C-alpha atoms as a PDB file:
ATOM      1  CA  MET A   1     -50.410 -55.637-214.348  1.00  0.00           C
ATOM      2  CA  PRO A   2     -48.934 -53.359-211.501  1.00  0.00           C
ATOM      3  CA  ASN A   3     -50.114 -50.022-210.745  1.00  0.00           C
ATOM      4  CA  ALA A   4     -48.213 -46.825-210.694  1.00  0.00           C
ATOM      5  CA  LYS A   5     -47.027 -47.998-206.972  1.00  0.00           C
ATOM      6  CA  GLY A   6     -45.966 -51.324-208.266  1.00  0.00           C
ATOM      7  CA  GLN A   7     -49.079 -53.130-206.632  1.00  0.00           C
ATOM      8  CA  ILE A   8     -50.417 -56.370-207.954  1.00  0.00           C
ATOM      9  CA  VAL A   9     -53.797 -57.463-207.347  1.00  0.00           C
ATOM     10  CA  ILE A  10     -54.280 -61.273-206.603  1.00  0.00           C
ATOM     11  CA  PRO A  11     -57.658 -62.212-208.076  1.00  0.00           C
ATOM     12  CA  LYS A  12     -60.341 -63.322-205.576  1.00  0.00           C
ATOM     13  CA  GLU A  13     -60.721 -66.735-206.943  1.00  0.00           C
ATOM     14  CA  ILE A  14     -57.042 -67.457-206.574  1.00  0.00           C
ATOM     15  CA  ARG A  15     -56.961 -65.879-203.003  1.00  0.00           C
ATOM     16  CA  GLU A  16     -59.931 -68.029-202.104  1.00  0.00           C
ATOM     17  CA  GLN A  17     -58.369 -71.135-203.626  1.00  0.00           C
ATOM     18  CA  LEU A  18     -55.046 -70.526-201.614  1.00  0.00           C
ATOM     19  CA  GLY A  19     -56.763 -69.273-198.328  1.00  0.00           C
ATOM     20  CA  ILE A  20     -55.211 -65.838-198.506  1.00  0.00           C
ATOM     21  CA  THR A  21     -57.036 -63.481-196.444  1.00  0.00           C
ATOM     22  CA  GLN A  22     -56.765 -59.762-195.657  1.00  0.00           C
ATOM     23  CA  ASN A  23     -54.777 -60.613-192.323  1.00  0.00           C
ATOM     24  CA  LEU A  24     -52.515 -63.210-193.593  1.00  0.00           C
ATOM     25  CA  PRO A  25     -48.787 -62.076-193.932  1.00  0.00           C
ATOM     26  CA  LEU A  26     -47.111 -63.204-197.006  1.00  0.00           C
ATOM     27  CA  SER A  27     -43.298 -63.417-197.551  1.00  0.00           C
ATOM     28  CA  ILE A  28     -42.064 -62.549-201.182  1.00  0.00           C
ATOM     29  CA  VAL A  29     -39.247 -64.424-202.348  1.00  0.00           C
ATOM     30  CA  VAL A  30     -37.382 -63.616-205.620  1.00  0.00           C
ATOM     31  CA  ARG A  31     -36.215 -66.579-207.725  1.00  0.00           C
ATOM     32  CA  GLU A  32     -34.324 -66.074-211.014  1.00  0.00           C
ATOM     33  CA  ASN A  33     -37.113 -64.102-212.938  1.00  0.00           C
ATOM     34  CA  TYR A  34     -40.090 -64.830-210.888  1.00  0.00           C
ATOM     35  CA  LEU A  35     -41.533 -64.288-207.430  1.00  0.00           C
ATOM     36  CA  CYS A  36     -43.025 -66.862-204.926  1.00  0.00           C
ATOM     37  CA  LEU A  37     -45.509 -65.828-202.183  1.00  0.00           C
ATOM     38  CA  TYR A  38     -45.401 -67.745-198.952  1.00  0.00           C
ATOM     39  CA  PRO A  39     -47.671 -67.399-195.969  1.00  0.00           C
ATOM     40  CA  ILE A  40     -45.772 -66.348-192.758  1.00  0.00           C
ATOM     41  CA  GLU A  41     -47.108 -69.062-190.082  1.00  0.00           C
ATOM     42  CA  GLY A  42     -45.279 -67.684-187.217  1.00  0.00           C
ATOM     43  CA  ILE A  43     -42.365 -65.492-186.074  1.00  0.00           C
ATOM     44  CA  PHE A  44     -39.490 -67.105-184.065  1.00  0.00           C
ATOM     45  CA  ALA A  45     -37.200 -65.295-181.739  1.00  0.00           C
ATOM     46  CA  LYS A  46     -33.556 -65.766-182.273  1.00  0.00           C
ATOM     47  CA  THR A  47     -33.196 -68.369-179.521  1.00  0.00           C
ATOM     48  CA  GLN A  48     -36.029 -70.480-180.866  1.00  0.00           C
ATOM     49  CA  LYS A  49     -34.329 -70.500-184.351  1.00  0.00           C
ATOM     50  CA  GLU A  50     -31.045 -71.481-182.612  1.00  0.00           C
ATOM     51  CA  ASN A  51     -32.552 -74.214-180.666  1.00  0.00           C
ATOM     52  CA  SER A  52     -34.455 -75.729-183.514  1.00  0.00           C
ATOM     53  CA  PHE A  53     -31.158 -75.699-185.664  1.00  0.00           C
ATOM     54  CA  TYR A  54     -29.520 -77.596-182.721  1.00  0.00           C
ATOM     55  CA  LYS A  55     -32.343 -80.002-182.697  1.00  0.00           C
ATOM     56  CA  ILE A  56     -31.887 -80.706-186.330  1.00  0.00           C
ATOM     57  CA  LEU A  57     -28.257 -81.138-185.959  1.00  0.00           C
ATOM     58  CA  ALA A  58     -28.754 -83.573-183.204  1.00  0.00           C
ATOM     59  CA  LYS A  59     -31.266 -85.700-185.310  1.00  0.00           C
ATOM     60  CA  THR A  60     -28.762 -85.672-188.153  1.00  0.00           C
ATOM     61  CA  GLN A  61     -25.433 -86.087-186.641  1.00  0.00           C
ATOM     62  CA  GLY A  62     -24.678 -89.097-188.496  1.00  0.00           C
ATOM     63  CA  THR A  63     -21.470 -90.782-189.076  1.00  0.00           C
ATOM     64  CA  TRP A  64     -19.273 -88.131-187.263  1.00  0.00           C
ATOM     65  CA  LEU A  65     -20.979 -88.504-184.025  1.00  0.00           C
ATOM     66  CA  LYS A  66     -18.042 -90.351-182.445  1.00  0.00           C
ATOM     67  CA  ASP A  67     -15.197 -88.827-184.294  1.00  0.00           C
ATOM     68  CA  SER A  68     -12.473 -86.689-182.247  1.00  0.00           C
ATOM     69  CA  TRP A  69     -12.742 -83.173-183.674  1.00  0.00           C
ATOM     70  CA  PRO A  70      -9.291 -82.064-182.224  1.00  0.00           C
ATOM     71  CA  GLN A  71      -7.777 -85.175-183.868  1.00  0.00           C
ATOM     72  CA  ILE A  72      -9.334 -84.656-187.289  1.00  0.00           C
ATOM     73  CA  THR A  73      -8.356 -80.933-187.167  1.00  0.00           C
ATOM     74  CA  ALA A  74      -4.783 -82.008-186.563  1.00  0.00           C
ATOM     75  CA  GLN A  75      -4.887 -84.639-189.262  1.00  0.00           C
ATOM     76  CA  ARG A  76      -6.120 -81.927-191.621  1.00  0.00           C
ATOM     77  CA  LYS A  77      -3.469 -79.345-190.682  1.00  0.00           C
ATOM     78  CA  ASN A  78      -0.788 -82.237-191.515  1.00  0.00           C
ATOM     79  CA  ILE A  79      -2.316 -83.080-194.699  1.00  0.00           C
ATOM     80  CA  GLU A  80      -2.482 -79.328-195.762  1.00  0.00           C
ATOM     81  CA  LEU A  81       1.162 -78.806-194.731  1.00  0.00           C
ATOM     82  CA  LYS A  82       2.486 -81.883-196.713  1.00  0.00           C
ATOM     83  CA  ALA A  83       0.400 -80.655-199.718  1.00  0.00           C
ATOM     84  CA  SER A  84       1.978 -77.038-199.355  1.00  0.00           C
ATOM     85  CA  GLN A  85       5.434 -78.573-199.113  1.00  0.00           C
ATOM     86  CA  SER A  86       4.907 -80.767-202.143  1.00  0.00           C
ATOM     87  CA  ARG A  87       3.784 -77.641-204.117  1.00  0.00           C
ATOM     88  CA  LYS A  88       6.883 -75.842-202.864  1.00  0.00           C
ATOM     89  CA  ARG A  89       9.057 -78.567-204.318  1.00  0.00           C
ATOM     90  CA  LEU A  90       7.487 -78.433-207.593  1.00  0.00           C
ATOM     91  CA  TRP A  91       8.391 -74.634-207.749  1.00  0.00           C
END
């Protein structure tokens, strides 16, 4: 049960089982009607986050790797323009 400050005690047995120590920072995530606690294993600088994101993108680039984005963008604009003109005619 939370105290007057809203603090909750994690029982010693559970802390020991999960390896939660006094100096372990925890992240609290709210999900629907419950809380999740996750250990914070490290802090990344913004550039480290961006670099890791780009590495993931490079690994998962998949089927679009060789596509020409300017060409795809132009095709999309043409498709959207035709759809818009079609809707105008229906009005």
